[in-house]
Amino acid sequence: MDNSARIRADEVELLKPATLLIVWGDGHESLYSDRSLRESCECAACIDEWSRAPILDPATLPADLHLTGFERTGRYGLNLAFSDGHRTGIWTLERLRGTCPCPDCDGSSS
């Protein structure tokens, strides 16, 4: 299978509580916590554009933070909207697949 299927999001769904599901073109399923996505935002409001130093202090995020929606950005990414009002970051599909937290992808499976 070519790499394009690996980074094609065939299904994207908001699950409760606070989880984003992506089913990839190769059949792999990834589950991301809403908090981890918000904390890893790389937009100019969260990361300094020049130094790449973090601007966002995760301690300032509400305990009940969750995704409120998403929009596809072309064929390459997702724009995520969060309950704290943040909605300016774009998470590329390549980056999301590369940071899949499942045991098979993060190397923690036996």
PDB file of N, CA and C in Angstrom:
ATOM      1  N   MET A   1       0.847  -1.181   0.000  1.00  0.00           N
ATOM      2  CA  MET A   1       0.000   0.000   0.000  1.00  0.00           C
ATOM      3  C   MET A   1       0.890   1.241   0.000  1.00  0.00           C
ATOM      4  N   ASP A   2       0.507   2.221  -0.798  1.00  0.00           N
ATOM      5  CA  ASP A   2       1.328   3.422  -0.854  1.00  0.00           C
ATOM      6  C   ASP A   2       1.090   4.307   0.361  1.00  0.00           C
ATOM      7  N   ASN A   3       1.983   5.249   0.557  1.00  0.00           N
ATOM      8  CA  ASN A   3       1.950   6.117   1.736  1.00  0.00           C
ATOM      9  C   ASN A   3       0.728   7.028   1.741  1.00  0.00           C
ATOM     10  N   SER A   4       0.129   7.330   0.582  1.00  0.00           N
ATOM     11  CA  SER A   4      -1.008   8.242   0.561  1.00  0.00           C
ATOM     12  C   SER A   4      -2.199   7.660   1.326  1.00  0.00           C
ATOM     13  N   ALA A   5      -2.419   6.344   1.249  1.00  0.00           N
ATOM     14  CA  ALA A   5      -3.511   5.725   2.010  1.00  0.00           C
ATOM     15  C   ALA A   5      -3.215   5.786   3.507  1.00  0.00           C
ATOM     16  N   ARG A   6      -1.950   5.694   3.864  1.00  0.00           N
ATOM     17  CA  ARG A   6      -1.543   5.713   5.271  1.00  0.00           C
ATOM     18  C   ARG A   6      -1.878   7.045   5.934  1.00  0.00           C
ATOM     19  N   ILE A   7      -1.829   8.136   5.179  1.00  0.00           N
ATOM     20  CA  ILE A   7      -2.105   9.461   5.756  1.00  0.00           C
ATOM     21  C   ILE A   7      -3.398  10.072   5.222  1.00  0.00           C
ATOM     22  N   ARG A   8      -4.288   9.238   4.718  1.00  0.00           N
ATOM     23  CA  ARG A   8      -5.607   9.698   4.286  1.00  0.00           C
ATOM     24  C   ARG A   8      -6.606   9.380   5.391  1.00  0.00           C
ATOM     25  N   ALA A   9      -7.307  10.383   5.872  1.00  0.00           N
ATOM     26  CA  ALA A   9      -8.304  10.191   6.928  1.00  0.00           C
ATOM     27  C   ALA A   9      -9.641   9.845   6.275  1.00  0.00           C
ATOM     28  N   ASP A  10     -10.002   8.562   6.319  1.00  0.00           N
ATOM     29  CA  ASP A  10     -11.270   8.137   5.733  1.00  0.00           C
ATOM     30  C   ASP A  10     -12.443   8.474   6.638  1.00  0.00           C
ATOM     31  N   GLU A  11     -12.211   8.476   7.945  1.00  0.00           N
ATOM     32  CA  GLU A  11     -13.266   8.781   8.906  1.00  0.00           C
ATOM     33  C   GLU A  11     -12.672   9.599  10.040  1.00  0.00           C
ATOM     34  N   VAL A  12     -13.367  10.658  10.434  1.00  0.00           N
ATOM     35  CA  VAL A  12     -12.971  11.474  11.571  1.00  0.00           C
ATOM     36  C   VAL A  12     -14.228  11.665  12.415  1.00  0.00           C
ATOM     37  N   GLU A  13     -14.108  11.385  13.705  1.00  0.00           N
ATOM     38  CA  GLU A  13     -15.292  11.445  14.563  1.00  0.00           C
ATOM     39  C   GLU A  13     -14.905  11.914  15.960  1.00  0.00           C
ATOM     40  N   LEU A  14     -15.740  12.768  16.544  1.00  0.00           N
ATOM     41  CA  LEU A  14     -15.574  13.183  17.938  1.00  0.00           C
ATOM     42  C   LEU A  14     -16.280  12.154  18.811  1.00  0.00           C
ATOM     43  N   LEU A  15     -15.554  11.584  19.755  1.00  0.00           N
ATOM     44  CA  LEU A  15     -16.118  10.602  20.682  1.00  0.00           C
ATOM     45  C   LEU A  15     -16.156  11.190  22.080  1.00  0.00           C
ATOM     46  N   LYS A  16     -17.041  10.695  22.894  1.00  0.00           N
ATOM     47  CA  LYS A  16     -17.107  11.100  24.288  1.00  0.00           C
ATOM     48  C   LYS A  16     -16.433  10.032  25.123  1.00  0.00           C
ATOM     49  N   PRO A  17     -15.740  10.324  26.159  1.00  0.00           N
ATOM     50  CA  PRO A  17     -15.386  11.663  26.606  1.00  0.00           C
ATOM     51  C   PRO A  17     -14.074  12.138  25.983  1.00  0.00           C
ATOM     52  N   ALA A  18     -14.108  13.282  25.365  1.00  0.00           N
ATOM     53  CA  ALA A  18     -12.921  14.020  24.937  1.00  0.00           C
ATOM     54  C   ALA A  18     -11.898  13.211  24.142  1.00  0.00           C
ATOM     55  N   THR A  19     -12.349  12.603  23.052  1.00  0.00           N
ATOM     56  CA  THR A  19     -11.459  11.797  22.222  1.00  0.00           C
ATOM     57  C   THR A  19     -11.779  12.036  20.750  1.00  0.00           C
ATOM     58  N   LEU A  20     -10.738  12.120  19.937  1.00  0.00           N
ATOM     59  CA  LEU A  20     -10.885  12.223  18.495  1.00  0.00           C
ATOM     60  C   LEU A  20     -10.464  10.894  17.879  1.00  0.00           C
ATOM     61  N   LEU A  21     -11.339  10.320  17.059  1.00  0.00           N
ATOM     62  CA  LEU A  21     -11.055   9.075  16.349  1.00  0.00           C
ATOM     63  C   LEU A  21     -10.756   9.398  14.896  1.00  0.00           C
ATOM     64  N   ILE A  22      -9.656   8.838  14.380  1.00  0.00           N
ATOM     65  CA  ILE A  22      -9.368   8.904  12.950  1.00  0.00           C
ATOM     66  C   ILE A  22      -9.165   7.481  12.461  1.00  0.00           C
ATOM     67  N   VAL A  23      -9.911   7.119  11.421  1.00  0.00           N
ATOM     68  CA  VAL A  23      -9.708   5.845  10.741  1.00  0.00           C
ATOM     69  C   VAL A  23      -8.992   6.180   9.439  1.00  0.00           C
ATOM     70  N   TRP A  24      -7.790   5.636   9.298  1.00  0.00           N
ATOM     71  CA  TRP A  24      -6.914   5.955   8.176  1.00  0.00           C
ATOM     72  C   TRP A  24      -7.216   5.086   6.960  1.00  0.00           C
ATOM     73  N   GLY A  25      -6.749   5.512   5.817  1.00  0.00           N
ATOM     74  CA  GLY A  25      -6.974   4.818   4.564  1.00  0.00           C
ATOM     75  C   GLY A  25      -6.454   3.400   4.537  1.00  0.00           C
ATOM     76  N   ASP A  26      -5.492   3.098   5.395  1.00  0.00           N
ATOM     77  CA  ASP A  26      -4.966   1.728   5.455  1.00  0.00           C
ATOM     78  C   ASP A  26      -5.670   0.889   6.519  1.00  0.00           C
ATOM     79  N   GLY A  27      -6.753   1.433   7.115  1.00  0.00           N
ATOM     80  CA  GLY A  27      -7.529   0.700   8.109  1.00  0.00           C
ATOM     81  C   GLY A  27      -7.106   0.923   9.549  1.00  0.00           C
ATOM     82  N   HIS A  28      -5.964   1.552   9.773  1.00  0.00           N
ATOM     83  CA  HIS A  28      -5.496   1.810  11.135  1.00  0.00           C
ATOM     84  C   HIS A  28      -6.427   2.808  11.813  1.00  0.00           C
ATOM     85  N   GLU A  29      -6.640   2.643  13.114  1.00  0.00           N
ATOM     86  CA  GLU A  29      -7.458   3.563  13.896  1.00  0.00           C
ATOM     87  C   GLU A  29      -6.606   4.244  14.951  1.00  0.00           C
ATOM     88  N   SER A  30      -6.743   5.556  15.047  1.00  0.00           N
ATOM     89  CA  SER A  30      -6.009   6.349  16.041  1.00  0.00           C
ATOM     90  C   SER A  30      -7.006   7.072  16.928  1.00  0.00           C
ATOM     91  N   LEU A  31      -6.731   7.061  18.231  1.00  0.00           N
ATOM     92  CA  LEU A  31      -7.535   7.791  19.214  1.00  0.00           C
ATOM     93  C   LEU A  31      -6.636   8.828  19.893  1.00  0.00           C
ATOM     94  N   TYR A  32      -7.047  10.088  19.824  1.00  0.00           N
ATOM     95  CA  TYR A  32      -6.273  11.189  20.398  1.00  0.00           C
ATOM     96  C   TYR A  32      -7.101  11.849  21.495  1.00  0.00           C
ATOM     97  N   SER A  33      -6.483  12.143  22.630  1.00  0.00           N
ATOM     98  CA  SER A  33      -7.207  12.874  23.673  1.00  0.00           C
ATOM     99  C   SER A  33      -7.288  14.342  23.253  1.00  0.00           C
ATOM    100  N   ASP A  34      -8.419  14.947  23.538  1.00  0.00           N
ATOM    101  CA  ASP A  34      -8.614  16.350  23.187  1.00  0.00           C
ATOM    102  C   ASP A  34      -7.550  17.228  23.847  1.00  0.00           C
ATOM    103  N   ARG A  35      -7.233  16.935  25.095  1.00  0.00           N
ATOM    104  CA  ARG A  35      -6.238  17.734  25.824  1.00  0.00           C
ATOM    105  C   ARG A  35      -4.866  17.637  25.154  1.00  0.00           C
ATOM    106  N   SER A  36      -4.451  16.439  24.769  1.00  0.00           N
ATOM    107  CA  SER A  36      -3.130  16.307  24.148  1.00  0.00           C
ATOM    108  C   SER A  36      -3.079  17.055  22.816  1.00  0.00           C
ATOM    109  N   LEU A  37      -4.183  17.046  22.079  1.00  0.00           N
ATOM    110  CA  LEU A  37      -4.224  17.802  20.827  1.00  0.00           C
ATOM    111  C   LEU A  37      -4.110  19.300  21.095  1.00  0.00           C
ATOM    112  N   ARG A  38      -4.857  19.791  22.070  1.00  0.00           N
ATOM    113  CA  ARG A  38      -4.821  21.228  22.392  1.00  0.00           C
ATOM    114  C   ARG A  38      -3.434  21.636  22.870  1.00  0.00           C
ATOM    115  N   GLU A  39      -2.818  20.811  23.716  1.00  0.00           N
ATOM    116  CA  GLU A  39      -1.493  21.135  24.244  1.00  0.00           C
ATOM    117  C   GLU A  39      -0.412  21.085  23.172  1.00  0.00           C
ATOM    118  N   SER A  40      -0.646  20.356  22.083  1.00  0.00           N
ATOM    119  CA  SER A  40       0.365  20.232  21.035  1.00  0.00           C
ATOM    120  C   SER A  40       0.107  21.146  19.843  1.00  0.00           C
ATOM    121  N   CYS A  41      -0.808  22.092  19.996  1.00  0.00           N
ATOM    122  CA  CYS A  41      -1.096  23.019  18.904  1.00  0.00           C
ATOM    123  C   CYS A  41       0.173  23.804  18.549  1.00  0.00           C
ATOM    124  N   GLU A  42       0.415  23.958  17.258  1.00  0.00           N
ATOM    125  CA  GLU A  42       1.611  24.673  16.789  1.00  0.00           C
ATOM    126  C   GLU A  42       1.279  25.974  16.082  1.00  0.00           C
ATOM    127  N   CYS A  43       0.089  26.536  16.342  1.00  0.00           N
ATOM    128  CA  CYS A  43      -0.267  27.810  15.704  1.00  0.00           C
ATOM    129  C   CYS A  43       0.537  28.947  16.343  1.00  0.00           C
ATOM    130  N   ALA A  44       0.488  30.115  15.726  1.00  0.00           N
ATOM    131  CA  ALA A  44       1.265  31.267  16.190  1.00  0.00           C
ATOM    132  C   ALA A  44       0.828  31.762  17.573  1.00  0.00           C
ATOM    133  N   ALA A  45      -0.380  31.428  17.998  1.00  0.00           N
ATOM    134  CA  ALA A  45      -0.832  31.820  19.335  1.00  0.00           C
ATOM    135  C   ALA A  45      -0.298  30.879  20.412  1.00  0.00           C
ATOM    136  N   CYS A  46       0.167  29.702  20.006  1.00  0.00           N
ATOM    137  CA  CYS A  46       0.613  28.694  20.967  1.00  0.00           C
ATOM    138  C   CYS A  46       2.123  28.457  20.946  1.00  0.00           C
ATOM    139  N   ILE A  47       2.756  28.719  19.819  1.00  0.00           N
ATOM    140  CA  ILE A  47       4.199  28.523  19.650  1.00  0.00           C
ATOM    141  C   ILE A  47       4.776  29.768  18.989  1.00  0.00           C
ATOM    142  N   ASP A  48       5.863  30.291  19.526  1.00  0.00           N
ATOM    143  CA  ASP A  48       6.524  31.444  18.916  1.00  0.00           C
ATOM    144  C   ASP A  48       6.990  31.063  17.511  1.00  0.00           C
ATOM    145  N   GLU A  49       6.607  31.873  16.537  1.00  0.00           N
ATOM    146  CA  GLU A  49       6.918  31.553  15.140  1.00  0.00           C
ATOM    147  C   GLU A  49       8.405  31.534  14.836  1.00  0.00           C
ATOM    148  N   TRP A  50       9.182  32.315  15.532  1.00  0.00           N
ATOM    149  CA  TRP A  50      10.614  32.409  15.231  1.00  0.00           C
ATOM    150  C   TRP A  50      11.449  31.451  16.066  1.00  0.00           C
ATOM    151  N   SER A  51      11.208  31.443  17.359  1.00  0.00           N
ATOM    152  CA  SER A  51      12.039  30.604  18.237  1.00  0.00           C
ATOM    153  C   SER A  51      11.477  29.190  18.412  1.00  0.00           C
ATOM    154  N   ARG A  52      10.172  29.009  18.091  1.00  0.00           N
ATOM    155  CA  ARG A  52       9.458  27.744  18.294  1.00  0.00           C
ATOM    156  C   ARG A  52       9.265  27.437  19.784  1.00  0.00           C
ATOM    157  N   ALA A  53       9.504  28.435  20.634  1.00  0.00           N
ATOM    158  CA  ALA A  53       9.283  28.269  22.074  1.00  0.00           C
ATOM    159  C   ALA A  53       7.780  28.274  22.361  1.00  0.00           C
ATOM    160  N   PRO A  54       7.345  27.438  23.297  1.00  0.00           N
ATOM    161  CA  PRO A  54       5.918  27.397  23.630  1.00  0.00           C
ATOM    162  C   PRO A  54       5.444  28.710  24.248  1.00  0.00           C
ATOM    163  N   ILE A  55       4.275  29.149  23.836  1.00  0.00           N
ATOM    164  CA  ILE A  55       3.601  30.305  24.427  1.00  0.00           C
ATOM    165  C   ILE A  55       2.486  29.805  25.341  1.00  0.00           C
ATOM    166  N   LEU A  56       1.807  28.762  24.924  1.00  0.00           N
ATOM    167  CA  LEU A  56       0.700  28.199  25.696  1.00  0.00           C
ATOM    168  C   LEU A  56       1.207  27.549  26.979  1.00  0.00           C
ATOM    169  N   ASP A  57       0.594  27.914  28.085  1.00  0.00           N
ATOM    170  CA  ASP A  57       0.872  27.253  29.364  1.00  0.00           C
ATOM    171  C   ASP A  57      -0.250  26.242  29.595  1.00  0.00           C
ATOM    172  N   PRO A  58       0.039  24.942  29.502  1.00  0.00           N
ATOM    173  CA  PRO A  58      -1.013  23.937  29.667  1.00  0.00           C
ATOM    174  C   PRO A  58      -1.782  24.060  30.983  1.00  0.00           C
ATOM    175  N   ALA A  59      -1.150  24.622  32.004  1.00  0.00           N
ATOM    176  CA  ALA A  59      -1.823  24.781  33.299  1.00  0.00           C
ATOM    177  C   ALA A  59      -2.989  25.763  33.218  1.00  0.00           C
ATOM    178  N   THR A  60      -3.025  26.593  32.186  1.00  0.00           N
ATOM    179  CA  THR A  60      -4.113  27.566  32.040  1.00  0.00           C
ATOM    180  C   THR A  60      -5.337  26.983  31.334  1.00  0.00           C
ATOM    181  N   LEU A  61      -5.233  25.764  30.847  1.00  0.00           N
ATOM    182  CA  LEU A  61      -6.363  25.149  30.143  1.00  0.00           C
ATOM    183  C   LEU A  61      -7.390  24.626  31.135  1.00  0.00           C
ATOM    184  N   PRO A  62      -8.674  24.780  30.832  1.00  0.00           N
ATOM    185  CA  PRO A  62      -9.708  24.291  31.749  1.00  0.00           C
ATOM    186  C   PRO A  62      -9.669  22.770  31.885  1.00  0.00           C
ATOM    187  N   ALA A  63     -10.040  22.283  33.043  1.00  0.00           N
ATOM    188  CA  ALA A  63     -10.024  20.842  33.314  1.00  0.00           C
ATOM    189  C   ALA A  63     -10.989  20.091  32.398  1.00  0.00           C
ATOM    190  N   ASP A  64     -12.080  20.724  32.026  1.00  0.00           N
ATOM    191  CA  ASP A  64     -13.094  20.059  31.202  1.00  0.00           C
ATOM    192  C   ASP A  64     -12.924  20.354  29.709  1.00  0.00           C
ATOM    193  N   LEU A  65     -11.724  20.695  29.295  1.00  0.00           N
ATOM    194  CA  LEU A  65     -11.443  21.010  27.896  1.00  0.00           C
ATOM    195  C   LEU A  65     -11.864  19.856  26.989  1.00  0.00           C
ATOM    196  N   HIS A  66     -12.496  20.203  25.866  1.00  0.00           N
ATOM    197  CA  HIS A  66     -12.884  19.176  24.901  1.00  0.00           C
ATOM    198  C   HIS A  66     -13.042  19.800  23.518  1.00  0.00           C
ATOM    199  N   LEU A  67     -12.992  18.962  22.512  1.00  0.00           N
ATOM    200  CA  LEU A  67     -13.234  19.413  21.154  1.00  0.00           C
ATOM    201  C   LEU A  67     -14.718  19.709  20.983  1.00  0.00           C
ATOM    202  N   THR A  68     -15.010  20.796  20.278  1.00  0.00           N
ATOM    203  CA  THR A  68     -16.401  21.126  19.981  1.00  0.00           C
ATOM    204  C   THR A  68     -16.719  20.897  18.507  1.00  0.00           C
ATOM    205  N   GLY A  69     -15.697  20.701  17.704  1.00  0.00           N
ATOM    206  CA  GLY A  69     -15.918  20.451  16.293  1.00  0.00           C
ATOM    207  C   GLY A  69     -14.611  20.418  15.529  1.00  0.00           C
ATOM    208  N   PHE A  70     -14.721  20.137  14.242  1.00  0.00           N
ATOM    209  CA  PHE A  70     -13.548  20.127  13.370  1.00  0.00           C
ATOM    210  C   PHE A  70     -13.999  20.405  11.944  1.00  0.00           C
ATOM    211  N   GLU A  71     -13.075  20.881  11.150  1.00  0.00           N
ATOM    212  CA  GLU A  71     -13.296  21.058   9.722  1.00  0.00           C
ATOM    213  C   GLU A  71     -12.092  20.483   9.007  1.00  0.00           C
ATOM    214  N   ARG A  72     -12.339  19.837   7.905  1.00  0.00           N
ATOM    215  CA  ARG A  72     -11.229  19.372   7.076  1.00  0.00           C
ATOM    216  C   ARG A  72     -10.612  20.578   6.392  1.00  0.00           C
ATOM    217  N   THR A  73      -9.304  20.587   6.315  1.00  0.00           N
ATOM    218  CA  THR A  73      -8.561  21.648   5.630  1.00  0.00           C
ATOM    219  C   THR A  73      -7.939  21.005   4.393  1.00  0.00           C
ATOM    220  N   GLY A  74      -8.589  21.196   3.256  1.00  0.00           N
ATOM    221  CA  GLY A  74      -8.140  20.536   2.041  1.00  0.00           C
ATOM    222  C   GLY A  74      -8.090  19.032   2.251  1.00  0.00           C
ATOM    223  N   ARG A  75      -7.107  18.397   1.633  1.00  0.00           N
ATOM    224  CA  ARG A  75      -6.915  16.956   1.823  1.00  0.00           C
ATOM    225  C   ARG A  75      -5.742  16.677   2.739  1.00  0.00           C
ATOM    226  N   TYR A  76      -5.239  17.724   3.415  1.00  0.00           N
ATOM    227  CA  TYR A  76      -4.011  17.550   4.179  1.00  0.00           C
ATOM    228  C   TYR A  76      -4.136  17.750   5.676  1.00  0.00           C
ATOM    229  N   GLY A  77      -5.257  18.234   6.181  1.00  0.00           N
ATOM    230  CA  GLY A  77      -5.293  18.499   7.607  1.00  0.00           C
ATOM    231  C   GLY A  77      -6.677  18.699   8.185  1.00  0.00           C
ATOM    232  N   LEU A  78      -6.677  18.963   9.489  1.00  0.00           N
ATOM    233  CA  LEU A  78      -7.893  19.241  10.238  1.00  0.00           C
ATOM    234  C   LEU A  78      -7.711  20.532  11.013  1.00  0.00           C
ATOM    235  N   ASN A  79      -8.738  21.361  11.005  1.00  0.00           N
ATOM    236  CA  ASN A  79      -8.797  22.538  11.864  1.00  0.00           C
ATOM    237  C   ASN A  79      -9.708  22.155  13.010  1.00  0.00           C
ATOM    238  N   LEU A  80      -9.170  22.165  14.223  1.00  0.00           N
ATOM    239  CA  LEU A  80      -9.911  21.712  15.398  1.00  0.00           C
ATOM    240  C   LEU A  80     -10.416  22.899  16.206  1.00  0.00           C
ATOM    241  N   ALA A  81     -11.624  22.786  16.728  1.00  0.00           N
ATOM    242  CA  ALA A  81     -12.213  23.813  17.584  1.00  0.00           C
ATOM    243  C   ALA A  81     -12.377  23.233  18.988  1.00  0.00           C
ATOM    244  N   PHE A  82     -11.932  24.004  19.983  1.00  0.00           N
ATOM    245  CA  PHE A  82     -11.942  23.544  21.369  1.00  0.00           C
ATOM    246  C   PHE A  82     -12.885  24.375  22.226  1.00  0.00           C
ATOM    247  N   SER A  83     -13.290  23.804  23.347  1.00  0.00           N
ATOM    248  CA  SER A  83     -14.229  24.464  24.258  1.00  0.00           C
ATOM    249  C   SER A  83     -13.657  25.718  24.910  1.00  0.00           C
ATOM    250  N   ASP A  84     -12.328  25.908  24.876  1.00  0.00           N
ATOM    251  CA  ASP A  84     -11.749  27.136  25.432  1.00  0.00           C
ATOM    252  C   ASP A  84     -11.754  28.274  24.398  1.00  0.00           C
ATOM    253  N   GLY A  85     -12.364  28.039  23.240  1.00  0.00           N
ATOM    254  CA  GLY A  85     -12.460  29.057  22.200  1.00  0.00           C
ATOM    255  C   GLY A  85     -11.352  28.990  21.166  1.00  0.00           C
ATOM    256  N   HIS A  86     -10.358  28.161  21.381  1.00  0.00           N
ATOM    257  CA  HIS A  86      -9.234  28.068  20.441  1.00  0.00           C
ATOM    258  C   HIS A  86      -9.670  27.336  19.181  1.00  0.00           C
ATOM    259  N   ARG A  87      -9.325  27.908  18.026  1.00  0.00           N
ATOM    260  CA  ARG A  87      -9.694  27.276  16.769  1.00  0.00           C
ATOM    261  C   ARG A  87      -8.779  27.677  15.616  1.00  0.00           C
ATOM    262  N   THR A  88      -7.556  28.107  15.903  1.00  0.00           N
ATOM    263  CA  THR A  88      -6.693  28.610  14.831  1.00  0.00           C
ATOM    264  C   THR A  88      -5.630  27.630  14.358  1.00  0.00           C
ATOM    265  N   GLY A  89      -5.468  26.503  15.008  1.00  0.00           N
ATOM    266  CA  GLY A  89      -4.422  25.569  14.613  1.00  0.00           C
ATOM    267  C   GLY A  89      -4.880  24.608  13.532  1.00  0.00           C
ATOM    268  N   ILE A  90      -3.941  24.200  12.703  1.00  0.00           N
ATOM    269  CA  ILE A  90      -4.199  23.151  11.715  1.00  0.00           C
ATOM    270  C   ILE A  90      -3.272  21.988  12.039  1.00  0.00           C
ATOM    271  N   TRP A  91      -3.859  20.829  12.225  1.00  0.00           N
ATOM    272  CA  TRP A  91      -3.105  19.609  12.469  1.00  0.00           C
ATOM    273  C   TRP A  91      -3.043  18.867  11.142  1.00  0.00           C
ATOM    274  N   THR A  92      -1.851  18.728  10.568  1.00  0.00           N
ATOM    275  CA  THR A  92      -1.754  18.014   9.304  1.00  0.00           C
ATOM    276  C   THR A  92      -2.000  16.530   9.550  1.00  0.00           C
ATOM    277  N   LEU A  93      -2.555  15.871   8.548  1.00  0.00           N
ATOM    278  CA  LEU A  93      -2.802  14.438   8.668  1.00  0.00           C
ATOM    279  C   LEU A  93      -1.495  13.682   8.831  1.00  0.00           C
ATOM    280  N   GLU A  94      -0.462  14.143   8.149  1.00  0.00           N
ATOM    281  CA  GLU A  94       0.842  13.498   8.284  1.00  0.00           C
ATOM    282  C   GLU A  94       1.350  13.587   9.723  1.00  0.00           C
ATOM    283  N   ARG A  95       1.209  14.755  10.334  1.00  0.00           N
ATOM    284  CA  ARG A  95       1.639  14.928  11.735  1.00  0.00           C
ATOM    285  C   ARG A  95       0.798  14.073  12.676  1.00  0.00           C
ATOM    286  N   LEU A  96      -0.526  14.054  12.450  1.00  0.00           N
ATOM    287  CA  LEU A  96      -1.392  13.250  13.308  1.00  0.00           C
ATOM    288  C   LEU A  96      -1.037  11.770  13.209  1.00  0.00           C
ATOM    289  N   ARG A  97      -0.842  11.278  12.007  1.00  0.00           N
ATOM    290  CA  ARG A  97      -0.492   9.861  11.853  1.00  0.00           C
ATOM    291  C   ARG A  97       0.866   9.581  12.490  1.00  0.00           C
ATOM    292  N   GLY A  98       1.796  10.513  12.336  1.00  0.00           N
ATOM    293  CA  GLY A  98       3.124  10.345  12.902  1.00  0.00           C
ATOM    294  C   GLY A  98       3.159  10.377  14.414  1.00  0.00           C
ATOM    295  N   THR A  99       2.114  10.916  15.042  1.00  0.00           N
ATOM    296  CA  THR A  99       2.057  10.995  16.508  1.00  0.00           C
ATOM    297  C   THR A  99       0.928  10.111  17.066  1.00  0.00           C
ATOM    298  N   CYS A 100       0.512   9.123  16.296  1.00  0.00           N
ATOM    299  CA  CYS A 100      -0.531   8.207  16.771  1.00  0.00           C
ATOM    300  C   CYS A 100      -0.102   7.623  18.123  1.00  0.00           C
ATOM    301  N   PRO A 101      -0.964   7.744  19.139  1.00  0.00           N
ATOM    302  CA  PRO A 101      -0.582   7.289  20.472  1.00  0.00           C
ATOM    303  C   PRO A 101      -0.866   5.806  20.758  1.00  0.00           C
ATOM    304  N   CYS A 102      -1.299   5.046  19.766  1.00  0.00           N
ATOM    305  CA  CYS A 102      -1.614   3.638  20.044  1.00  0.00           C
ATOM    306  C   CYS A 102      -0.333   2.858  20.354  1.00  0.00           C
ATOM    307  N   PRO A 103      -0.455   1.739  21.070  1.00  0.00           N
ATOM    308  CA  PRO A 103       0.727   0.953  21.443  1.00  0.00           C
ATOM    309  C   PRO A 103       1.574   0.490  20.245  1.00  0.00           C
ATOM    310  N   ASP A 104       0.910   0.157  19.129  1.00  0.00           N
ATOM    311  CA  ASP A 104       1.679  -0.283  17.954  1.00  0.00           C
ATOM    312  C   ASP A 104       2.536   0.841  17.377  1.00  0.00           C
ATOM    313  N   CYS A 105       2.014   2.049  17.399  1.00  0.00           N
ATOM    314  CA  CYS A 105       2.741   3.181  16.805  1.00  0.00           C
ATOM    315  C   CYS A 105       3.732   3.828  17.754  1.00  0.00           C
ATOM    316  N   ASP A 106       3.412   3.869  19.047  1.00  0.00           N
ATOM    317  CA  ASP A 106       4.328   4.546  19.978  1.00  0.00           C
ATOM    318  C   ASP A 106       5.420   3.627  20.520  1.00  0.00           C
ATOM    319  N   GLY A 107       5.400   2.360  20.075  1.00  0.00           N
ATOM    320  CA  GLY A 107       6.471   1.435  20.456  1.00  0.00           C
ATOM    321  C   GLY A 107       6.284   0.770  21.800  1.00  0.00           C
ATOM    322  N   SER A 108       5.114   0.943  22.446  1.00  0.00           N
ATOM    323  CA  SER A 108       4.950   0.361  23.774  1.00  0.00           C
ATOM    324  C   SER A 108       4.277  -1.011  23.748  1.00  0.00           C
ATOM    325  N   SER A 109       3.934  -1.516  22.551  1.00  0.00           N
ATOM    326  CA  SER A 109       3.314  -2.852  22.518  1.00  0.00           C
ATOM    327  C   SER A 109       4.397  -3.916  22.724  1.00  0.00           C
ATOM    328  N   SER A 110       3.988  -5.039  23.257  1.00  0.00           N
ATOM    329  CA  SER A 110       4.953  -6.098  23.542  1.00  0.00           C
ATOM    330  C   SER A 110       5.234  -6.926  22.315  1.00  0.00           C
TER     331      SER A 110
END
